[in-house]
Amino acid sequence: MEYKYIITDINNKIFCCIYTSDNTCHYLKPLDSGSVVGNIYVGRVENVVKNINAAFIEIEDKQKCYYSIQDNKAPIFFNEKNNPAICQGDRILVKVTTEPLKTKPAKVSSKIELTGNYAVVSNDVKGVHISKKIKSNETISEIKKRVADILIQKQREAIEKTGYDYLSNFGIILRSGCADADTDDIIKDVKALCNEYTDMLRKAVFSKFYTLVHKDRPEYIEEIVHLSGKDRVEVITDIPDIYNELETYLPRSSNMSIRMYKDELWPLYKLYSIEKEIDTALSKKVWLKSGGYLIIEQTEALSVIDVNSGKNVTKAKSMEAIEASALKTNLEAADKLCQQIKVRNLSGIIIVDFINMNQRNCDILMEHLKFLAKKDIVNTTIVDITKLGLVEITRKKIGKSLSESLNKA
């Protein structure tokens, strides 16, 4: 798969967009410069709520965050304790995993990790691990041995710099991008990442409550690196500062190219009709080329999509012709609604009401939906079709929806 990752300014708001080789938009969101996701803080345990097995931890500006005790088995404390249980007043290292959303606070975790271009350093793993996307070979095996030696050395340095043995409990994951990367670049990235991780721990040991000890690199950088791990990506921007960041953070890779767009007469966002994509993604009604249309309703509990034949009304009288027309409209609707789910970043439960068809055509539609779901970079599952003909879809929540990001919810 080939992607174009577009970063451009529209009315003083920066948008990130992903287009496939056929110039279809599959991702669209405003760049949130104030995001705290990925940042690591020395937090303070404000209180522990035993009946929900959770705690609330304050980070900068005493912002209260949700912390699941059940999901965090190895918290990193910086205060003297008589027992391993999390208690009110504890000084604890946490990483922000999700933004606050409406009435829900941000979430934090004790899974502390730093991500580089070719590796991840994390306290959630032991030793050296290789991405499952990489096929084992002699080169990768040799790299793993070299990285294992580096890890032992860096763990010793962590103890020396922090004064605490338990802070050396971290491991390394080699990312999928290592498959096509130069060995020296991988080793360089691993060493720099381990040094950054150790320096962050040392800073945290001597920091007060609410201290930001690590600010994550821009989210769009991580998205590009993730895409280029298995697909070719052309990154295009017309913003000089963004271009400089791209040159600084992104690795040199055969799967990636970076281009500065300089045509002042025809802006980048007009070239890719991004304003039109935004308008469509914020509209409840989305037209299909056949004359049919979708009605998309986003609610607090779930999202509902209704498929209508609209102007695409067949004059055929035979049942076979009517079924063929319904299948054609439903297949076109499936392509469009899957694209809109990605562009709008809909998540959770999604219910789709397709045009009624016989069982054979329903099976064809379901197989097509499952094929489309596999192409989504976010985990999406086509659950089933109910007796009422409603298709159930679930999609993992990754950040805010487009309407929420633009305060249009």
Protein backbone atom coordinates (compact mmCIF):
# COMPACT_ATOMS: atom_id res chain seq x y z
CA MET A 1 0.00 0.00 0.00
CA GLU A 2 1.18 3.54 -0.78
CA TYR A 3 0.10 6.55 1.28
CA LYS A 4 0.41 10.31 1.04
CA TYR A 5 0.58 12.01 4.44
CA ILE A 6 -0.47 15.66 4.01
CA ILE A 7 0.17 18.36 6.64
CA THR A 8 -1.27 21.75 5.74
CA ASP A 9 -2.75 24.94 7.17
CA ILE A 10 -6.43 25.75 6.60
CA ASN A 11 -7.63 29.05 8.08
CA ASN A 12 -4.85 29.06 10.70
CA LYS A 13 -5.55 25.47 11.78
CA ILE A 14 -3.11 22.70 10.89
CA PHE A 15 -4.63 19.46 9.56
CA CYS A 16 -3.04 16.04 9.07
CA CYS A 17 -4.54 13.87 6.31
CA ILE A 18 -3.79 10.44 4.89
CA TYR A 19 -4.59 9.67 1.25
CA THR A 20 -4.19 6.37 -0.55
CA SER A 21 -2.71 6.12 -4.05
CA ASP A 22 -6.17 6.61 -5.61
CA ASN A 23 -6.41 10.00 -3.79
CA THR A 24 -9.09 8.77 -1.38
CA CYS A 25 -8.92 10.39 2.06
CA HIS A 26 -8.80 7.83 4.88
CA TYR A 27 -7.72 9.99 7.81
CA LEU A 28 -8.30 13.59 8.74
CA LYS A 29 -7.73 15.48 11.96
CA PRO A 30 -6.56 18.84 13.27
CA LEU A 31 -3.12 18.94 14.85
CA ASP A 32 -3.49 19.44 18.61
CA SER A 33 -0.40 21.32 19.77
CA GLY A 34 -1.68 21.32 23.36
CA SER A 35 -2.03 17.54 23.66
CA VAL A 36 -0.48 15.92 26.74
CA VAL A 37 -0.82 12.33 25.47
CA GLY A 38 2.56 10.61 25.65
CA ASN A 39 3.93 13.02 28.23
CA ILE A 40 5.47 11.56 31.39
CA TYR A 41 4.98 13.19 34.80
CA VAL A 42 5.85 12.78 38.43
CA GLY A 43 2.28 12.64 39.66
CA ARG A 44 0.67 12.75 43.08
CA VAL A 45 -1.92 10.18 44.14
CA GLU A 46 -4.86 12.39 45.09
CA ASN A 47 -7.12 9.55 46.30
CA VAL A 48 -7.74 5.81 45.93
CA VAL A 49 -11.24 4.53 45.14
CA LYS A 50 -11.32 0.87 46.17
CA ASN A 51 -14.80 0.03 44.90
CA ILE A 52 -13.73 0.72 41.28
CA ASN A 53 -10.14 -0.50 41.87
CA ALA A 54 -8.74 2.79 40.65
CA ALA A 55 -6.89 5.89 41.79
CA PHE A 56 -6.93 9.52 40.72
CA ILE A 57 -3.53 11.04 40.10
CA GLU A 58 -2.73 14.72 39.69
CA ILE A 59 -0.26 15.89 37.05
CA GLU A 60 0.58 19.44 35.91
CA ASP A 61 -1.71 22.23 37.15
CA LYS A 62 -3.16 19.57 39.46
CA GLN A 63 -5.09 18.07 36.56
CA LYS A 64 -6.79 14.93 37.89
CA CYS A 65 -6.32 11.73 35.85
CA TYR A 66 -7.82 8.25 36.05
CA TYR A 67 -5.44 5.38 36.92
CA SER A 68 -6.54 1.73 36.82
CA ILE A 69 -4.92 -0.23 39.64
CA GLN A 70 -5.89 -3.53 38.03
CA ASP A 71 -4.14 -2.69 34.75
CA ASN A 72 -0.97 -1.35 36.37
CA LYS A 73 0.87 -4.09 38.24
CA ALA A 74 4.30 -2.42 38.47
CA PRO A 75 3.99 1.24 39.54
CA ILE A 76 7.20 3.27 39.91
CA PHE A 77 7.17 5.10 43.25
CA PHE A 78 9.66 7.75 44.37
CA ASN A 79 8.70 7.95 48.03
CA GLU A 80 9.55 5.61 50.90
CA LYS A 81 6.85 2.93 51.32
CA ASN A 82 6.16 0.07 53.71
CA ASN A 83 4.01 -1.83 51.22
CA PRO A 84 3.64 -1.99 47.40
CA ALA A 85 0.00 -0.83 47.42
CA ILE A 86 -0.78 2.57 45.91
CA CYS A 87 -1.72 5.09 48.62
CA GLN A 88 -2.87 8.69 48.85
CA GLY A 89 0.08 11.09 48.68
CA ASP A 90 2.40 8.72 46.79
CA ARG A 91 4.86 10.27 44.34
CA ILE A 92 4.50 8.14 41.22
CA LEU A 93 5.76 8.15 37.63
CA VAL A 94 2.94 8.05 35.06
CA LYS A 95 2.46 8.43 31.32
CA VAL A 96 -0.67 10.04 29.85
CA THR A 97 -2.42 7.58 27.53
CA THR A 98 -5.66 9.39 26.61
CA GLU A 99 -6.92 12.97 26.51
CA PRO A 100 -9.77 14.13 28.77
CA LEU A 101 -13.08 13.76 26.91
CA LYS A 102 -16.16 15.70 27.96
CA THR A 103 -16.84 14.61 31.56
CA LYS A 104 -14.18 11.89 31.56
CA PRO A 105 -10.68 12.74 32.88
CA ALA A 106 -7.47 11.88 31.08
CA LYS A 107 -6.05 8.40 31.71
CA VAL A 108 -2.53 7.67 32.93
CA SER A 109 -0.50 4.48 33.17
CA SER A 110 2.58 3.09 34.88
CA LYS A 111 3.66 1.57 31.58
CA ILE A 112 6.54 3.95 30.91
CA GLU A 113 7.99 3.76 27.43
CA LEU A 114 9.88 5.92 24.99
CA THR A 115 9.47 5.35 21.25
CA GLY A 116 12.17 5.91 18.66
CA ASN A 117 12.32 5.33 14.94
CA TYR A 118 13.51 1.74 15.25
CA ALA A 119 13.00 0.78 18.89
CA VAL A 120 10.88 1.16 22.01
CA VAL A 121 12.31 1.22 25.55
CA SER A 122 9.71 0.07 28.07
CA ASN A 123 9.43 -1.02 31.69
CA ASP A 124 6.66 -3.39 30.55
CA VAL A 125 9.02 -5.89 28.89
CA LYS A 126 12.11 -7.81 29.93
CA GLY A 127 15.08 -8.35 27.62
CA VAL A 128 15.00 -7.70 23.87
CA HIS A 129 11.95 -8.45 21.72
CA ILE A 130 11.41 -8.24 17.95
CA SER A 131 8.23 -7.03 16.28
CA LYS A 132 6.06 -9.91 15.05
CA LYS A 133 5.95 -8.17 11.66
CA ILE A 134 9.66 -8.90 11.12
CA LYS A 135 10.61 -12.27 9.67
CA SER A 136 13.52 -13.80 11.55
CA ASN A 137 16.86 -13.89 9.71
CA GLU A 138 20.58 -13.86 10.46
CA THR A 139 20.84 -10.06 10.29
CA ILE A 140 17.97 -9.50 12.73
CA SER A 141 19.33 -12.19 15.07
CA GLU A 142 22.74 -10.51 15.09
CA ILE A 143 21.16 -7.10 15.74
CA LYS A 144 19.20 -8.60 18.64
CA LYS A 145 22.43 -9.91 20.22
CA ARG A 146 24.12 -6.50 19.90
CA VAL A 147 21.06 -4.76 21.37
CA ALA A 148 20.99 -7.26 24.28
CA ASP A 149 24.58 -6.31 25.16
CA ILE A 150 23.69 -2.62 24.97
CA LEU A 151 20.65 -3.19 27.22
CA ILE A 152 22.78 -4.78 29.96
CA GLN A 153 25.19 -1.85 29.82
CA LYS A 154 22.39 0.75 29.92
CA GLN A 155 20.66 -1.02 32.83
CA ARG A 156 23.88 -0.72 34.85
CA GLU A 157 24.14 2.96 33.95
CA ALA A 158 20.54 3.47 35.10
CA ILE A 159 21.41 2.11 38.54
CA GLU A 160 24.52 4.32 38.75
CA LYS A 161 22.66 7.48 37.68
CA THR A 162 19.51 7.02 39.77
CA GLY A 163 20.80 5.08 42.77
CA TYR A 164 17.90 2.60 42.60
CA ASP A 165 18.19 -1.00 41.35
CA TYR A 166 14.48 -1.30 40.49
CA LEU A 167 14.73 1.55 37.95
CA SER A 168 16.86 -0.72 35.73
CA ASN A 169 13.84 -2.96 35.07
CA PHE A 170 13.28 -2.06 31.44
CA GLY A 171 13.58 -3.84 28.11
CA ILE A 172 13.70 -3.09 24.39
CA ILE A 173 11.36 -3.83 21.49
CA LEU A 174 12.76 -3.64 17.95
CA ARG A 175 10.12 -2.11 15.67
CA SER A 176 9.02 -3.32 12.23
CA GLY A 177 11.05 -0.55 10.56
CA CYS A 178 14.23 -2.44 11.50
CA ALA A 179 13.57 -4.91 8.69
CA ASP A 180 14.78 -2.46 6.00
CA ALA A 181 17.03 -0.22 8.11
CA ASP A 182 20.80 0.08 8.30
CA THR A 183 22.23 -1.78 11.33
CA ASP A 184 24.28 1.21 12.47
CA ASP A 185 21.18 3.43 12.40
CA ILE A 186 19.30 0.91 14.56
CA ILE A 187 22.13 0.68 17.11
CA LYS A 188 22.42 4.47 17.20
CA ASP A 189 18.68 4.81 17.81
CA VAL A 190 18.72 2.18 20.59
CA LYS A 191 21.62 3.85 22.43
CA ALA A 192 20.09 7.33 22.16
CA LEU A 193 16.72 6.04 23.36
CA CYS A 194 18.23 4.21 26.37
CA ASN A 195 20.20 7.33 27.32
CA GLU A 196 17.05 9.44 27.05
CA TYR A 197 15.14 6.91 29.17
CA THR A 198 17.82 6.85 31.89
CA ASP A 199 18.09 10.65 31.95
CA MET A 200 14.30 10.85 32.29
CA LEU A 201 14.39 8.45 35.29
CA ARG A 202 17.22 10.42 36.92
CA LYS A 203 15.29 13.67 36.51
CA ALA A 204 12.16 12.06 37.96
CA VAL A 205 13.96 10.79 41.07
CA PHE A 206 14.86 14.35 42.09
CA SER A 207 11.71 16.10 40.87
CA LYS A 208 8.78 17.48 42.82
CA PHE A 209 5.12 16.65 42.31
CA TYR A 210 3.54 17.61 38.95
CA THR A 211 6.89 17.82 37.12
CA LEU A 212 6.90 17.06 33.39
CA VAL A 213 9.96 14.82 32.98
CA HIS A 214 9.45 13.90 29.33
CA LYS A 215 7.51 15.52 26.49
CA ASP A 216 6.66 13.17 23.65
CA ARG A 217 7.61 13.99 20.07
CA PRO A 218 4.78 15.26 17.84
CA GLU A 219 2.02 12.69 17.35
CA TYR A 220 2.09 12.97 13.57
CA ILE A 221 5.75 11.88 13.57
CA GLU A 222 4.81 8.63 15.29
CA GLU A 223 1.92 8.10 12.87
CA ILE A 224 4.25 8.48 9.88
CA VAL A 225 6.88 6.16 11.35
CA HIS A 226 4.17 3.57 12.07
CA LEU A 227 2.82 3.75 8.50
CA SER A 228 6.27 3.50 6.93
CA GLY A 229 7.02 0.32 8.89
CA LYS A 230 5.26 -1.78 6.24
CA ASP A 231 4.02 0.64 3.53
CA ARG A 232 5.50 3.40 1.39
CA VAL A 233 4.72 6.93 2.58
CA GLU A 234 5.20 10.26 0.82
CA VAL A 235 5.01 13.12 3.33
CA ILE A 236 4.00 16.49 1.87
CA THR A 237 3.69 19.80 3.70
CA ASP A 238 3.60 23.49 2.83
CA ILE A 239 4.57 24.65 6.35
CA PRO A 240 8.34 25.37 6.76
CA ASP A 241 8.42 24.69 10.53
CA ILE A 242 6.68 21.36 10.07
CA TYR A 243 9.09 20.46 7.26
CA ASN A 244 12.04 21.17 9.57
CA GLU A 245 10.51 18.91 12.25
CA LEU A 246 10.03 16.17 9.68
CA GLU A 247 13.67 16.45 8.63
CA THR A 248 14.77 16.34 12.28
CA TYR A 249 12.66 13.46 13.59
CA LEU A 250 12.01 11.12 10.67
CA PRO A 251 14.53 8.40 9.83
CA ARG A 252 16.06 7.97 6.39
CA SER A 253 14.15 5.09 4.86
CA SER A 254 13.48 3.61 1.42
CA ASN A 255 9.81 3.51 2.45
CA MET A 256 9.58 7.25 3.06
CA SER A 257 10.08 10.53 1.25
CA ILE A 258 9.55 14.13 2.43
CA ARG A 259 8.55 16.99 0.15
CA MET A 260 8.06 20.71 0.70
CA TYR A 261 5.15 21.99 -1.40
CA LYS A 262 5.82 25.51 -2.73
CA ASP A 263 3.10 26.38 -5.24
CA GLU A 264 1.70 29.70 -3.94
CA LEU A 265 -0.94 29.97 -6.67
CA TRP A 266 -2.62 26.68 -5.81
CA PRO A 267 -2.52 25.85 -2.05
CA LEU A 268 -1.89 22.29 -0.94
CA TYR A 269 -5.28 21.95 0.75
CA LYS A 270 -7.02 22.90 -2.52
CA LEU A 271 -4.94 20.41 -4.50
CA TYR A 272 -6.33 17.59 -2.34
CA SER A 273 -9.80 19.15 -1.77
CA ILE A 274 -9.33 18.90 1.99
CA GLU A 275 -11.97 21.55 2.77
CA LYS A 276 -14.52 19.46 0.88
CA GLU A 277 -13.46 16.35 2.82
CA ILE A 278 -13.95 18.22 6.11
CA ASP A 279 -17.40 19.47 5.09
CA THR A 280 -18.45 15.94 4.07
CA ALA A 281 -17.10 14.43 7.29
CA LEU A 282 -19.09 16.91 9.40
CA SER A 283 -22.31 16.41 7.46
CA LYS A 284 -25.03 13.96 8.51
CA LYS A 285 -25.88 13.22 4.88
CA VAL A 286 -23.26 11.74 2.54
CA TRP A 287 -24.14 11.12 -1.10
CA LEU A 288 -23.11 8.05 -3.09
CA LYS A 289 -22.20 8.21 -6.79
CA SER A 290 -25.14 5.94 -7.62
CA GLY A 291 -27.63 8.46 -6.22
CA GLY A 292 -28.05 6.71 -2.88
CA TYR A 293 -26.91 8.29 0.37
CA LEU A 294 -25.86 7.66 3.97
CA ILE A 295 -27.27 9.24 7.11
CA ILE A 296 -24.62 9.21 9.84
CA GLU A 297 -25.62 10.01 13.44
CA GLN A 298 -22.95 10.14 16.14
CA THR A 299 -24.29 9.83 19.72
CA GLU A 300 -22.73 9.39 23.17
CA ALA A 301 -23.44 5.64 23.31
CA LEU A 302 -22.95 4.58 19.68
CA SER A 303 -22.90 5.70 16.05
CA VAL A 304 -25.70 4.84 13.63
CA ILE A 305 -25.45 4.73 9.83
CA ASP A 306 -28.53 4.36 7.64
CA VAL A 307 -28.15 3.37 3.96
CA ASN A 308 -30.79 4.74 1.58
CA SER A 309 -31.32 4.08 -2.14
CA GLY A 310 -32.26 7.75 -2.70
CA LYS A 311 -32.29 8.64 -6.39
CA ASN A 312 -30.98 5.19 -7.28
CA VAL A 313 -34.42 3.62 -7.66
CA THR A 314 -34.54 0.72 -10.08
CA LYS A 315 -37.41 0.40 -12.56
CA ALA A 316 -36.83 -3.33 -12.86
CA LYS A 317 -39.81 -5.45 -11.97
CA SER A 318 -38.13 -8.81 -11.45
CA MET A 319 -37.03 -9.79 -7.97
CA GLU A 320 -33.60 -10.74 -9.31
CA ALA A 321 -33.04 -7.26 -10.75
CA ILE A 322 -34.23 -5.58 -7.53
CA GLU A 323 -31.81 -7.74 -5.48
CA ALA A 324 -28.94 -6.93 -7.85
CA SER A 325 -29.65 -3.20 -7.53
CA ALA A 326 -29.81 -3.44 -3.73
CA LEU A 327 -26.51 -5.34 -3.59
CA LYS A 328 -24.79 -2.80 -5.85
CA THR A 329 -25.97 0.10 -3.69
CA ASN A 330 -25.03 -1.69 -0.45
CA LEU A 331 -21.52 -2.52 -1.69
CA GLU A 332 -20.96 1.11 -2.72
CA ALA A 333 -22.34 2.22 0.65
CA ALA A 334 -19.97 -0.19 2.43
CA ASP A 335 -16.96 1.42 0.70
CA LYS A 336 -18.14 4.92 1.54
CA LEU A 337 -19.16 4.27 5.16
CA CYS A 338 -15.86 2.51 5.95
CA GLN A 339 -14.03 5.52 4.51
CA GLN A 340 -16.20 7.89 6.56
CA ILE A 341 -15.69 5.86 9.75
CA LYS A 342 -11.93 6.36 9.34
CA VAL A 343 -12.10 10.02 8.34
CA ARG A 344 -14.49 10.86 11.20
CA ASN A 345 -12.54 8.57 13.58
CA LEU A 346 -15.74 6.94 14.84
CA SER A 347 -15.20 4.35 17.55
CA GLY A 348 -16.98 2.02 19.94
CA ILE A 349 -20.24 0.48 18.69
CA ILE A 350 -21.34 1.32 15.14
CA ILE A 351 -24.71 0.07 13.85
CA VAL A 352 -25.41 0.06 10.09
CA ASP A 353 -28.86 -0.37 8.55
CA PHE A 354 -28.32 -1.55 4.97
CA ILE A 355 -31.02 -1.98 2.30
CA ASN A 356 -32.76 -5.34 2.83
CA MET A 357 -31.47 -8.23 0.69
CA ASN A 358 -31.69 -12.03 0.50
CA GLN A 359 -29.30 -14.19 2.53
CA ARG A 360 -26.93 -14.88 -0.37
CA ASN A 361 -26.36 -11.19 -1.04
CA CYS A 362 -26.06 -10.47 2.70
CA ASP A 363 -23.20 -12.98 2.85
CA ILE A 364 -21.48 -11.22 -0.08
CA LEU A 365 -21.87 -7.87 1.70
CA MET A 366 -20.50 -9.21 5.00
CA GLU A 367 -17.40 -10.65 3.31
CA HIS A 368 -16.79 -7.31 1.60
CA LEU A 369 -17.12 -5.46 4.92
CA LYS A 370 -14.64 -7.83 6.59
CA PHE A 371 -12.19 -7.20 3.73
CA LEU A 372 -12.53 -3.43 4.19
CA ALA A 373 -12.13 -3.70 7.98
CA LYS A 374 -8.75 -5.42 7.57
CA LYS A 375 -7.47 -2.38 5.64
CA ASP A 376 -8.19 -0.04 8.58
CA ILE A 377 -5.02 0.82 10.53
CA VAL A 378 -7.21 0.98 13.66
CA ASN A 379 -8.51 -2.35 15.02
CA THR A 380 -12.00 -2.78 13.50
CA THR A 381 -14.27 -5.81 13.83
CA ILE A 382 -17.38 -6.71 11.80
CA VAL A 383 -19.30 -8.49 14.55
CA ASP A 384 -22.44 -9.88 12.92
CA ILE A 385 -25.71 -9.10 11.20
CA THR A 386 -28.80 -9.21 13.43
CA LYS A 387 -32.20 -10.77 12.64
CA LEU A 388 -33.41 -7.25 11.87
CA GLY A 389 -30.72 -6.86 9.22
CA LEU A 390 -28.55 -4.47 11.25
CA VAL A 391 -24.77 -4.87 10.92
CA GLU A 392 -22.77 -4.48 14.15
CA ILE A 393 -19.25 -3.02 13.94
CA THR A 394 -16.81 -2.23 16.74
CA ARG A 395 -13.76 0.01 16.36
CA LYS A 396 -11.02 0.73 18.89
CA LYS A 397 -11.02 4.25 20.28
CA ILE A 398 -7.92 6.20 19.23
CA GLY A 399 -8.23 9.82 20.33
CA LYS A 400 -11.17 12.12 19.71
CA SER A 401 -13.53 11.92 16.77
CA LEU A 402 -13.21 14.63 14.12
CA SER A 403 -16.35 16.43 15.32
CA GLU A 404 -15.06 16.42 18.91
CA SER A 405 -11.64 17.69 17.79
CA LEU A 406 -13.32 20.57 15.97
CA ASN A 407 -15.79 21.15 18.85
CA LYS A 408 -18.70 20.32 16.55
CA ALA A 409 -20.02 17.37 18.59
